[in-house]
């Protein structure tokens, strides 16, 4: 079963003070790469959320983004009276020493960090007291993500299955072509021996000629490569129904490509070599799809 590494999922939960929304995105990655971007009020949940995502998602670059929508009156700014008083007194003291005028309006001081706290500890308290709610919210968002990943994975499964069937047909055609190509290659080699002997007016023992032809034909033989390639495609089809399977299939793709390259380097027949090109093109299409599977 294919599970795509690309997906999106979201889930919201309503509290008395507001609504929290979790959004998860996932893209391709060789390993597990998880991160959570949370508001300051929920920062204590980061390790817990990342751990839950790791336990549910095998591979990919996964990011979780949390957003709080506050209900009216739930987030009232808190004024640091002592801090504001100390800051105003300090500014007035500096102004007096330098013969400067200071405005009596204190609103300019409210934008200074630390004077007016616009955050709320309501969500922070909820994060500490209701851990099971955050677990459920995280897992529900992951479930929504996995639903999309599996849907995308099914599409990839169909596409890769089609390409695998095409590759199997190409391998069969290569085997058939090799029977003709090998006979033609051997006959051509014998003809060259005869031409050389005729040109230089020499005679070579027929047994010796047969031995050399046998040695050369052994170097051209691709029966081992085609047998391994068929075994790889059979194993590939079997692993496609496992979960997770991305890394295993990626390894098999590399092995298939290696066998195809070896076959191409052994045979000079034009028809056979064109079949090799088609096989490599098909394998490359499969590889691109496999890169997106967990």
C-alpha atoms as a PDB file:
ATOM      1  CA  UNK A   1       0.000   0.000   0.000  1.00  0.00           C
ATOM      2  CA  UNK A   2       1.350   3.400  -0.985  1.00  0.00           C
ATOM      3  CA  UNK A   3       1.263   6.384   1.380  1.00  0.00           C
ATOM      4  CA  UNK A   4       2.366   9.650  -0.184  1.00  0.00           C
ATOM      5  CA  UNK A   5       4.757  11.920   1.694  1.00  0.00           C
ATOM      6  CA  UNK A   6       2.836  14.954   0.429  1.00  0.00           C
ATOM      7  CA  UNK A   7      -0.317  16.015   2.222  1.00  0.00           C
ATOM      8  CA  UNK A   8      -2.214  18.520   4.342  1.00  0.00           C
ATOM      9  CA  UNK A   9      -4.488  18.154   7.341  1.00  0.00           C
ATOM     10  CA  UNK A  10      -6.158  20.485   9.835  1.00  0.00           C
ATOM     11  CA  UNK A  11      -8.309  20.273  12.947  1.00  0.00           C
ATOM     12  CA  UNK A  12      -9.857  22.822  15.297  1.00  0.00           C
ATOM     13  CA  UNK A  13     -10.959  22.678  18.917  1.00  0.00           C
ATOM     14  CA  UNK A  14     -13.125  25.244  20.705  1.00  0.00           C
ATOM     15  CA  UNK A  15     -12.390  26.378  24.246  1.00  0.00           C
ATOM     16  CA  UNK A  16     -14.307  28.854  26.398  1.00  0.00           C
ATOM     17  CA  UNK A  17     -11.641  31.478  25.669  1.00  0.00           C
ATOM     18  CA  UNK A  18     -11.233  30.853  21.949  1.00  0.00           C
ATOM     19  CA  UNK A  19     -10.510  28.374  19.152  1.00  0.00           C
ATOM     20  CA  UNK A  20      -7.241  26.598  18.472  1.00  0.00           C
ATOM     21  CA  UNK A  21      -6.530  25.338  14.957  1.00  0.00           C
ATOM     22  CA  UNK A  22      -3.768  22.865  14.096  1.00  0.00           C
ATOM     23  CA  UNK A  23      -2.572  22.641  10.478  1.00  0.00           C
ATOM     24  CA  UNK A  24      -0.068  19.985   9.336  1.00  0.00           C
ATOM     25  CA  UNK A  25       1.794  19.935   6.030  1.00  0.00           C
ATOM     26  CA  UNK A  26       4.055  17.166   4.762  1.00  0.00           C
ATOM     27  CA  UNK A  27       6.514  17.079   1.847  1.00  0.00           C
ATOM     28  CA  UNK A  28       9.243  14.746   0.576  1.00  0.00           C
ATOM     29  CA  UNK A  29      12.239  13.958   2.753  1.00  0.00           C
ATOM     30  CA  UNK A  30      14.599  10.998   3.072  1.00  0.00           C
ATOM     31  CA  UNK A  31      14.165  10.785   6.835  1.00  0.00           C
ATOM     32  CA  UNK A  32      11.920  12.096   9.620  1.00  0.00           C
ATOM     33  CA  UNK A  33      12.013  15.886   9.923  1.00  0.00           C
ATOM     34  CA  UNK A  34       9.349  17.268  12.251  1.00  0.00           C
ATOM     35  CA  UNK A  35       8.764  20.750  13.611  1.00  0.00           C
ATOM     36  CA  UNK A  36       5.968  22.630  15.373  1.00  0.00           C
ATOM     37  CA  UNK A  37       5.359  26.356  15.216  1.00  0.00           C
ATOM     38  CA  UNK A  38       3.215  27.305  18.194  1.00  0.00           C
ATOM     39  CA  UNK A  39       1.996  30.535  19.822  1.00  0.00           C
ATOM     40  CA  UNK A  40       3.851  31.533  22.976  1.00  0.00           C
ATOM     41  CA  UNK A  41       0.902  30.378  25.090  1.00  0.00           C
ATOM     42  CA  UNK A  42       1.264  26.808  23.752  1.00  0.00           C
ATOM     43  CA  UNK A  43       5.054  26.599  23.604  1.00  0.00           C
ATOM     44  CA  UNK A  44       5.160  24.038  26.419  1.00  0.00           C
ATOM     45  CA  UNK A  45       3.389  21.537  24.126  1.00  0.00           C
ATOM     46  CA  UNK A  46       6.069  21.464  21.410  1.00  0.00           C
ATOM     47  CA  UNK A  47       7.933  18.312  22.496  1.00  0.00           C
ATOM     48  CA  UNK A  48       4.706  16.446  23.177  1.00  0.00           C
ATOM     49  CA  UNK A  49       3.246  17.321  19.765  1.00  0.00           C
ATOM     50  CA  UNK A  50       6.433  16.436  17.853  1.00  0.00           C
ATOM     51  CA  UNK A  51       6.638  13.080  19.678  1.00  0.00           C
ATOM     52  CA  UNK A  52       3.049  12.248  18.687  1.00  0.00           C
ATOM     53  CA  UNK A  53       3.740  13.124  15.044  1.00  0.00           C
ATOM     54  CA  UNK A  54       6.873  10.964  14.997  1.00  0.00           C
ATOM     55  CA  UNK A  55       4.913   7.982  16.297  1.00  0.00           C
ATOM     56  CA  UNK A  56       2.283   8.330  13.562  1.00  0.00           C
ATOM     57  CA  UNK A  57       4.247   9.357  10.452  1.00  0.00           C
ATOM     58  CA  UNK A  58       7.078   7.238   9.076  1.00  0.00           C
ATOM     59  CA  UNK A  59       8.937   9.613   6.795  1.00  0.00           C
ATOM     60  CA  UNK A  60       8.797  13.135   5.380  1.00  0.00           C
ATOM     61  CA  UNK A  61       9.325  16.760   6.290  1.00  0.00           C
ATOM     62  CA  UNK A  62       6.335  17.549   8.489  1.00  0.00           C
ATOM     63  CA  UNK A  63       5.440  20.953   9.893  1.00  0.00           C
ATOM     64  CA  UNK A  64       2.646  21.757  12.341  1.00  0.00           C
ATOM     65  CA  UNK A  65       1.322  25.297  12.682  1.00  0.00           C
ATOM     66  CA  UNK A  66      -0.998  26.277  15.538  1.00  0.00           C
ATOM     67  CA  UNK A  67      -3.188  29.364  15.603  1.00  0.00           C
ATOM     68  CA  UNK A  68      -5.369  30.794  18.388  1.00  0.00           C
ATOM     69  CA  UNK A  69      -8.496  32.812  17.628  1.00  0.00           C
ATOM     70  CA  UNK A  70      -9.454  34.583  20.855  1.00  0.00           C
ATOM     71  CA  UNK A  71     -13.038  35.132  21.950  1.00  0.00           C
ATOM     72  CA  UNK A  72     -14.033  38.729  22.816  1.00  0.00           C
ATOM     73  CA  UNK A  73     -12.764  39.709  26.263  1.00  0.00           C
ATOM     74  CA  UNK A  74     -10.579  36.621  26.619  1.00  0.00           C
ATOM     75  CA  UNK A  75      -7.367  38.488  25.965  1.00  0.00           C
ATOM     76  CA  UNK A  76      -7.269  41.718  27.978  1.00  0.00           C
ATOM     77  CA  UNK A  77      -3.896  43.501  27.934  1.00  0.00           C
ATOM     78  CA  UNK A  78      -2.141  43.676  31.292  1.00  0.00           C
ATOM     79  CA  UNK A  79      -0.341  46.900  32.249  1.00  0.00           C
ATOM     80  CA  UNK A  80       2.906  46.740  34.202  1.00  0.00           C
ATOM     81  CA  UNK A  81       2.252  49.695  36.503  1.00  0.00           C
ATOM     82  CA  UNK A  82       5.533  49.551  38.382  1.00  0.00           C
ATOM     83  CA  UNK A  83       7.507  49.152  35.179  1.00  0.00           C
ATOM     84  CA  UNK A  84       5.714  52.050  33.498  1.00  0.00           C
ATOM     85  CA  UNK A  85       6.244  54.308  36.538  1.00  0.00           C
ATOM     86  CA  UNK A  86       9.949  53.494  36.662  1.00  0.00           C
ATOM     87  CA  UNK A  87      10.324  54.098  32.927  1.00  0.00           C
ATOM     88  CA  UNK A  88       8.546  57.488  33.037  1.00  0.00           C
ATOM     89  CA  UNK A  89      10.613  58.621  36.011  1.00  0.00           C
ATOM     90  CA  UNK A  90      13.806  57.604  34.256  1.00  0.00           C
ATOM     91  CA  UNK A  91      12.870  59.501  31.077  1.00  0.00           C
ATOM     92  CA  UNK A  92      11.904  62.618  33.083  1.00  0.00           C
ATOM     93  CA  UNK A  93      15.196  62.473  34.971  1.00  0.00           C
ATOM     94  CA  UNK A  94      17.193  62.306  31.741  1.00  0.00           C
ATOM     95  CA  UNK A  95      15.113  65.137  30.231  1.00  0.00           C
ATOM     96  CA  UNK A  96      15.650  67.358  33.289  1.00  0.00           C
ATOM     97  CA  UNK A  97      19.426  66.893  33.190  1.00  0.00           C
ATOM     98  CA  UNK A  98      19.468  67.834  29.505  1.00  0.00           C
ATOM     99  CA  UNK A  99      16.933  70.679  29.704  1.00  0.00           C
ATOM    100  CA  UNK A 100      14.424  68.835  27.540  1.00  0.00           C
ATOM    101  CA  UNK A 101      10.637  68.851  27.671  1.00  0.00           C
ATOM    102  CA  UNK A 102       8.684  65.666  28.290  1.00  0.00           C
ATOM    103  CA  UNK A 103       5.114  65.226  27.111  1.00  0.00           C
ATOM    104  CA  UNK A 104       2.561  64.368  29.741  1.00  0.00           C
ATOM    105  CA  UNK A 105       0.965  61.784  27.406  1.00  0.00           C
ATOM    106  CA  UNK A 106       2.032  58.284  28.468  1.00  0.00           C
ATOM    107  CA  UNK A 107       0.528  56.469  25.470  1.00  0.00           C
ATOM    108  CA  UNK A 108       3.891  56.638  23.698  1.00  0.00           C
ATOM    109  CA  UNK A 109       5.321  54.462  26.448  1.00  0.00           C
ATOM    110  CA  UNK A 110       2.746  51.703  25.966  1.00  0.00           C
ATOM    111  CA  UNK A 111       4.368  50.434  22.759  1.00  0.00           C
ATOM    112  CA  UNK A 112       7.633  49.721  24.553  1.00  0.00           C
ATOM    113  CA  UNK A 113       8.068  45.937  24.992  1.00  0.00           C
ATOM    114  CA  UNK A 114       7.221  44.780  28.493  1.00  0.00           C
ATOM    115  CA  UNK A 115       5.034  47.738  29.484  1.00  0.00           C
ATOM    116  CA  UNK A 116       1.773  46.423  28.013  1.00  0.00           C
ATOM    117  CA  UNK A 117       1.496  42.614  27.896  1.00  0.00           C
ATOM    118  CA  UNK A 118      -0.971  41.655  25.160  1.00  0.00           C
ATOM    119  CA  UNK A 119      -0.566  37.924  25.739  1.00  0.00           C
ATOM    120  CA  UNK A 120      -2.855  35.783  27.835  1.00  0.00           C
ATOM    121  CA  UNK A 121      -2.019  32.973  30.211  1.00  0.00           C
ATOM    122  CA  UNK A 122      -5.470  31.395  29.759  1.00  0.00           C
ATOM    123  CA  UNK A 123      -4.324  29.156  26.905  1.00  0.00           C
ATOM    124  CA  UNK A 124      -1.080  28.417  28.701  1.00  0.00           C
ATOM    125  CA  UNK A 125      -3.011  27.210  31.741  1.00  0.00           C
ATOM    126  CA  UNK A 126      -5.222  25.059  29.500  1.00  0.00           C
ATOM    127  CA  UNK A 127      -2.118  23.558  27.872  1.00  0.00           C
ATOM    128  CA  UNK A 128      -0.805  22.502  31.252  1.00  0.00           C
ATOM    129  CA  UNK A 129      -4.061  21.245  32.710  1.00  0.00           C
ATOM    130  CA  UNK A 130      -5.701  19.487  29.722  1.00  0.00           C
ATOM    131  CA  UNK A 131      -2.908  17.549  28.014  1.00  0.00           C
ATOM    132  CA  UNK A 132      -5.324  14.893  26.703  1.00  0.00           C
ATOM    133  CA  UNK A 133      -7.163  17.553  24.683  1.00  0.00           C
ATOM    134  CA  UNK A 134      -3.974  18.534  22.892  1.00  0.00           C
ATOM    135  CA  UNK A 135      -3.128  14.896  22.227  1.00  0.00           C
ATOM    136  CA  UNK A 136      -6.534  14.405  20.615  1.00  0.00           C
ATOM    137  CA  UNK A 137      -6.234  17.620  18.613  1.00  0.00           C
ATOM    138  CA  UNK A 138      -2.799  16.601  17.326  1.00  0.00           C
ATOM    139  CA  UNK A 139      -3.848  13.055  16.442  1.00  0.00           C
ATOM    140  CA  UNK A 140      -7.021  14.266  14.721  1.00  0.00           C
ATOM    141  CA  UNK A 141      -4.949  16.662  12.600  1.00  0.00           C
ATOM    142  CA  UNK A 142      -2.524  13.822  11.802  1.00  0.00           C
ATOM    143  CA  UNK A 143      -5.481  11.593  10.856  1.00  0.00           C
ATOM    144  CA  UNK A 144      -6.720  14.269   8.427  1.00  0.00           C
ATOM    145  CA  UNK A 145      -3.207  14.480   6.983  1.00  0.00           C
ATOM    146  CA  UNK A 146      -2.957  10.690   6.625  1.00  0.00           C
ATOM    147  CA  UNK A 147      -6.300  10.558   4.829  1.00  0.00           C
ATOM    148  CA  UNK A 148      -4.951  12.847   2.129  1.00  0.00           C
ATOM    149  CA  UNK A 149      -1.593  11.046   2.039  1.00  0.00           C
ATOM    150  CA  UNK A 150      -3.305   7.698   1.492  1.00  0.00           C
ATOM    151  CA  UNK A 151      -5.554   9.160  -1.195  1.00  0.00           C
ATOM    152  CA  UNK A 152      -2.530  10.543  -3.027  1.00  0.00           C
ATOM    153  CA  UNK A 153      -0.705   7.273  -2.436  1.00  0.00           C
ATOM    154  CA  UNK A 154      -3.460   5.304  -4.167  1.00  0.00           C
ATOM    155  CA  UNK A 155      -3.047   7.441  -7.276  1.00  0.00           C
ATOM    156  CA  UNK A 156       0.705   6.831  -7.199  1.00  0.00           C
ATOM    157  CA  UNK A 157       0.077   3.092  -6.783  1.00  0.00           C
ATOM    158  CA  UNK A 158      -1.998   3.002  -9.975  1.00  0.00           C
ATOM    159  CA  UNK A 159       0.621   4.965 -11.905  1.00  0.00           C
ATOM    160  CA  UNK A 160       3.570   2.850 -10.722  1.00  0.00           C
ATOM    161  CA  UNK A 161       1.628  -0.366 -11.393  1.00  0.00           C
ATOM    162  CA  UNK A 162       1.066   0.734 -14.978  1.00  0.00           C
ATOM    163  CA  UNK A 163       4.753   1.556 -15.457  1.00  0.00           C
ATOM    164  CA  UNK A 164       5.795  -1.751 -13.868  1.00  0.00           C
ATOM    165  CA  UNK A 165       3.584  -3.634 -16.323  1.00  0.00           C
ATOM    166  CA  UNK A 166       5.188  -1.711 -19.200  1.00  0.00           C
ATOM    167  CA  UNK A 167       8.668  -2.544 -17.850  1.00  0.00           C
ATOM    168  CA  UNK A 168       7.827  -6.239 -17.625  1.00  0.00           C
ATOM    169  CA  UNK A 169       6.723  -6.144 -21.258  1.00  0.00           C
ATOM    170  CA  UNK A 170       9.990  -4.469 -22.274  1.00  0.00           C
ATOM    171  CA  UNK A 171      12.015  -7.117 -20.418  1.00  0.00           C
ATOM    172  CA  UNK A 172      10.129  -9.886 -22.219  1.00  0.00           C
ATOM    173  CA  UNK A 173      10.770  -8.167 -25.562  1.00  0.00           C
ATOM    174  CA  UNK A 174      14.481  -7.816 -24.730  1.00  0.00           C
ATOM    175  CA  UNK A 175      14.721 -11.525 -23.968  1.00  0.00           C
ATOM    176  CA  UNK A 176      13.158 -12.387 -27.293  1.00  0.00           C
ATOM    177  CA  UNK A 177      15.313  -9.929 -29.174  1.00  0.00           C
ATOM    178  CA  UNK A 178      18.447 -11.279 -27.491  1.00  0.00           C
ATOM    179  CA  UNK A 179      17.825 -14.710 -28.987  1.00  0.00           C
ATOM    180  CA  UNK A 180      18.004 -13.216 -32.477  1.00  0.00           C
ATOM    181  CA  UNK A 181      20.714 -10.669 -31.686  1.00  0.00           C
ATOM    182  CA  UNK A 182      23.039 -13.230 -30.094  1.00  0.00           C
ATOM    183  CA  UNK A 183      22.743 -15.558 -33.107  1.00  0.00           C
ATOM    184  CA  UNK A 184      23.428 -12.665 -35.461  1.00  0.00           C
ATOM    185  CA  UNK A 185      26.405 -11.541 -33.360  1.00  0.00           C
ATOM    186  CA  UNK A 186      27.941 -15.029 -33.343  1.00  0.00           C
ATOM    187  CA  UNK A 187      27.432 -15.429 -37.069  1.00  0.00           C
ATOM    188  CA  UNK A 188      28.990 -12.021 -37.649  1.00  0.00           C
ATOM    189  CA  UNK A 189      31.996 -12.976 -35.537  1.00  0.00           C
ATOM    190  CA  UNK A 190      32.487 -16.186 -37.517  1.00  0.00           C
ATOM    191  CA  UNK A 191      32.289 -14.196 -40.752  1.00  0.00           C
ATOM    192  CA  UNK A 192      34.980 -11.826 -39.537  1.00  0.00           C
ATOM    193  CA  UNK A 193      37.239 -14.759 -38.663  1.00  0.00           C
ATOM    194  CA  UNK A 194      36.719 -16.165 -42.151  1.00  0.00           C
ATOM    195  CA  UNK A 195      37.461 -12.788 -43.748  1.00  0.00           C
ATOM    196  CA  UNK A 196      40.681 -12.361 -41.785  1.00  0.00           C
ATOM    197  CA  UNK A 197      41.865 -15.870 -42.662  1.00  0.00           C
ATOM    198  CA  UNK A 198      41.022 -15.339 -46.317  1.00  0.00           C
ATOM    199  CA  UNK A 199      42.699 -11.927 -46.424  1.00  0.00           C
ATOM    200  CA  UNK A 200      45.950 -13.104 -44.887  1.00  0.00           C
ATOM    201  CA  UNK A 201      45.740 -16.558 -46.507  1.00  0.00           C
ATOM    202  CA  UNK A 202      46.070 -18.403 -43.199  1.00  0.00           C
ATOM    203  CA  UNK A 203      44.272 -21.276 -41.580  1.00  0.00           C
ATOM    204  CA  UNK A 204      43.141 -21.474 -37.958  1.00  0.00           C
ATOM    205  CA  UNK A 205      42.059 -24.631 -36.233  1.00  0.00           C
ATOM    206  CA  UNK A 206      38.248 -24.870 -36.257  1.00  0.00           C
ATOM    207  CA  UNK A 207      38.226 -25.897 -32.590  1.00  0.00           C
ATOM    208  CA  UNK A 208      40.208 -22.786 -31.713  1.00  0.00           C
ATOM    209  CA  UNK A 209      37.782 -20.604 -33.631  1.00  0.00           C
ATOM    210  CA  UNK A 210      34.867 -22.227 -31.850  1.00  0.00           C
ATOM    211  CA  UNK A 211      36.556 -21.614 -28.497  1.00  0.00           C
ATOM    212  CA  UNK A 212      37.082 -17.908 -29.221  1.00  0.00           C
ATOM    213  CA  UNK A 213      33.508 -17.542 -30.412  1.00  0.00           C
ATOM    214  CA  UNK A 214      32.274 -19.191 -27.222  1.00  0.00           C
ATOM    215  CA  UNK A 215      34.358 -16.838 -25.056  1.00  0.00           C
ATOM    216  CA  UNK A 216      33.113 -13.771 -26.895  1.00  0.00           C
ATOM    217  CA  UNK A 217      29.487 -14.881 -26.765  1.00  0.00           C
ATOM    218  CA  UNK A 218      29.808 -15.413 -23.015  1.00  0.00           C
ATOM    219  CA  UNK A 219      30.820 -11.752 -22.631  1.00  0.00           C
ATOM    220  CA  UNK A 220      27.738 -10.729 -24.607  1.00  0.00           C
ATOM    221  CA  UNK A 221      25.345 -12.959 -22.697  1.00  0.00           C
ATOM    222  CA  UNK A 222      22.680 -11.055 -20.747  1.00  0.00           C
ATOM    223  CA  UNK A 223      20.651 -14.018 -19.494  1.00  0.00           C
ATOM    224  CA  UNK A 224      21.838 -13.483 -15.895  1.00  0.00           C
ATOM    225  CA  UNK A 225      20.895  -9.808 -15.985  1.00  0.00           C
ATOM    226  CA  UNK A 226      17.432 -10.501 -17.402  1.00  0.00           C
ATOM    227  CA  UNK A 227      16.852 -13.216 -14.792  1.00  0.00           C
ATOM    228  CA  UNK A 228      17.798 -10.838 -11.967  1.00  0.00           C
ATOM    229  CA  UNK A 229      15.708  -8.085 -13.518  1.00  0.00           C
ATOM    230  CA  UNK A 230      12.664 -10.373 -13.605  1.00  0.00           C
ATOM    231  CA  UNK A 231      13.278 -11.308  -9.977  1.00  0.00           C
ATOM    232  CA  UNK A 232      13.490  -7.620  -9.058  1.00  0.00           C
ATOM    233  CA  UNK A 233      10.214  -6.781 -10.788  1.00  0.00           C
ATOM    234  CA  UNK A 234       8.481  -9.704  -9.070  1.00  0.00           C
ATOM    235  CA  UNK A 235       9.799  -8.573  -5.676  1.00  0.00           C
ATOM    236  CA  UNK A 236       8.854  -4.995  -6.496  1.00  0.00           C
ATOM    237  CA  UNK A 237       5.232  -5.989  -7.095  1.00  0.00           C
ATOM    238  CA  UNK A 238       5.199  -7.887  -3.793  1.00  0.00           C
ATOM    239  CA  UNK A 239       6.644  -4.989  -1.760  1.00  0.00           C
ATOM    240  CA  UNK A 240       4.153  -2.551  -3.292  1.00  0.00           C
ATOM    241  CA  UNK A 241       1.488  -4.045  -1.014  1.00  0.00           C
ATOM    242  CA  UNK A 242       3.542  -3.530   2.152  1.00  0.00           C
ATOM    243  CA  UNK A 243       3.538  -0.455   4.374  1.00  0.00           C
ATOM    244  CA  UNK A 244       5.838   1.417   4.587  1.00  0.00           C
ATOM    245  CA  UNK A 245       7.568   0.480   1.345  1.00  0.00           C
ATOM    246  CA  UNK A 246       9.200   3.630  -0.062  1.00  0.00           C
ATOM    247  CA  UNK A 247      12.811   2.908   0.933  1.00  0.00           C
ATOM    248  CA  UNK A 248      12.641  -0.741  -0.183  1.00  0.00           C
ATOM    249  CA  UNK A 249      11.219   0.181  -3.573  1.00  0.00           C
ATOM    250  CA  UNK A 250      13.806   2.912  -4.001  1.00  0.00           C
ATOM    251  CA  UNK A 251      16.563   0.339  -3.424  1.00  0.00           C
ATOM    252  CA  UNK A 252      15.013  -2.054  -5.968  1.00  0.00           C
ATOM    253  CA  UNK A 253      14.757   0.752  -8.510  1.00  0.00           C
ATOM    254  CA  UNK A 254      18.507   1.300  -8.177  1.00  0.00           C
ATOM    255  CA  UNK A 255      19.165  -2.422  -8.674  1.00  0.00           C
ATOM    256  CA  UNK A 256      16.925  -2.538 -11.755  1.00  0.00           C
ATOM    257  CA  UNK A 257      18.722   0.428 -13.245  1.00  0.00           C
ATOM    258  CA  UNK A 258      22.087  -1.240 -12.599  1.00  0.00           C
ATOM    259  CA  UNK A 259      21.042  -4.406 -14.433  1.00  0.00           C
ATOM    260  CA  UNK A 260      19.666  -2.432 -17.376  1.00  0.00           C
ATOM    261  CA  UNK A 261      22.904  -0.430 -17.679  1.00  0.00           C
ATOM    262  CA  UNK A 262      24.944  -3.649 -17.658  1.00  0.00           C
ATOM    263  CA  UNK A 263      22.796  -5.136 -20.417  1.00  0.00           C
ATOM    264  CA  UNK A 264      23.179  -1.987 -22.491  1.00  0.00           C
ATOM    265  CA  UNK A 265      26.961  -2.089 -22.189  1.00  0.00           C
ATOM    266  CA  UNK A 266      27.123  -5.716 -23.385  1.00  0.00           C
ATOM    267  CA  UNK A 267      24.982  -5.629 -26.523  1.00  0.00           C
ATOM    268  CA  UNK A 268      25.514  -3.507 -29.643  1.00  0.00           C
ATOM    269  CA  UNK A 269      22.357  -4.569 -31.461  1.00  0.00           C
ATOM    270  CA  UNK A 270      20.407  -1.407 -32.390  1.00  0.00           C
ATOM    271  CA  UNK A 271      16.949  -2.849 -31.666  1.00  0.00           C
ATOM    272  CA  UNK A 272      18.113  -4.260 -28.332  1.00  0.00           C
ATOM    273  CA  UNK A 273      19.746  -0.980 -27.305  1.00  0.00           C
ATOM    274  CA  UNK A 274      16.579   0.952 -28.136  1.00  0.00           C
ATOM    275  CA  UNK A 275      14.715  -1.421 -25.824  1.00  0.00           C
ATOM    276  CA  UNK A 276      17.272  -0.555 -23.136  1.00  0.00           C
ATOM    277  CA  UNK A 277      16.508   3.151 -23.631  1.00  0.00           C
ATOM    278  CA  UNK A 278      12.775   2.486 -23.216  1.00  0.00           C
ATOM    279  CA  UNK A 279      13.416   0.412 -20.096  1.00  0.00           C
ATOM    280  CA  UNK A 280      15.562   3.156 -18.522  1.00  0.00           C
ATOM    281  CA  UNK A 281      12.906   5.749 -19.335  1.00  0.00           C
ATOM    282  CA  UNK A 282      10.242   3.593 -17.677  1.00  0.00           C
ATOM    283  CA  UNK A 283      12.403   2.989 -14.596  1.00  0.00           C
ATOM    284  CA  UNK A 284      13.083   6.713 -14.289  1.00  0.00           C
ATOM    285  CA  UNK A 285       9.344   7.429 -14.315  1.00  0.00           C
ATOM    286  CA  UNK A 286       8.876   4.874 -11.559  1.00  0.00           C
ATOM    287  CA  UNK A 287      11.770   6.305  -9.557  1.00  0.00           C
ATOM    288  CA  UNK A 288      10.258   9.798  -9.633  1.00  0.00           C
ATOM    289  CA  UNK A 289       6.987   8.452  -8.223  1.00  0.00           C
ATOM    290  CA  UNK A 290       8.687   6.274  -5.604  1.00  0.00           C
ATOM    291  CA  UNK A 291      10.555   9.314  -4.255  1.00  0.00           C
ATOM    292  CA  UNK A 292       7.198  10.573  -2.954  1.00  0.00           C
ATOM    293  CA  UNK A 293       6.243   7.413  -1.039  1.00  0.00           C
ATOM    294  CA  UNK A 294       6.755   6.799   2.686  1.00  0.00           C
END
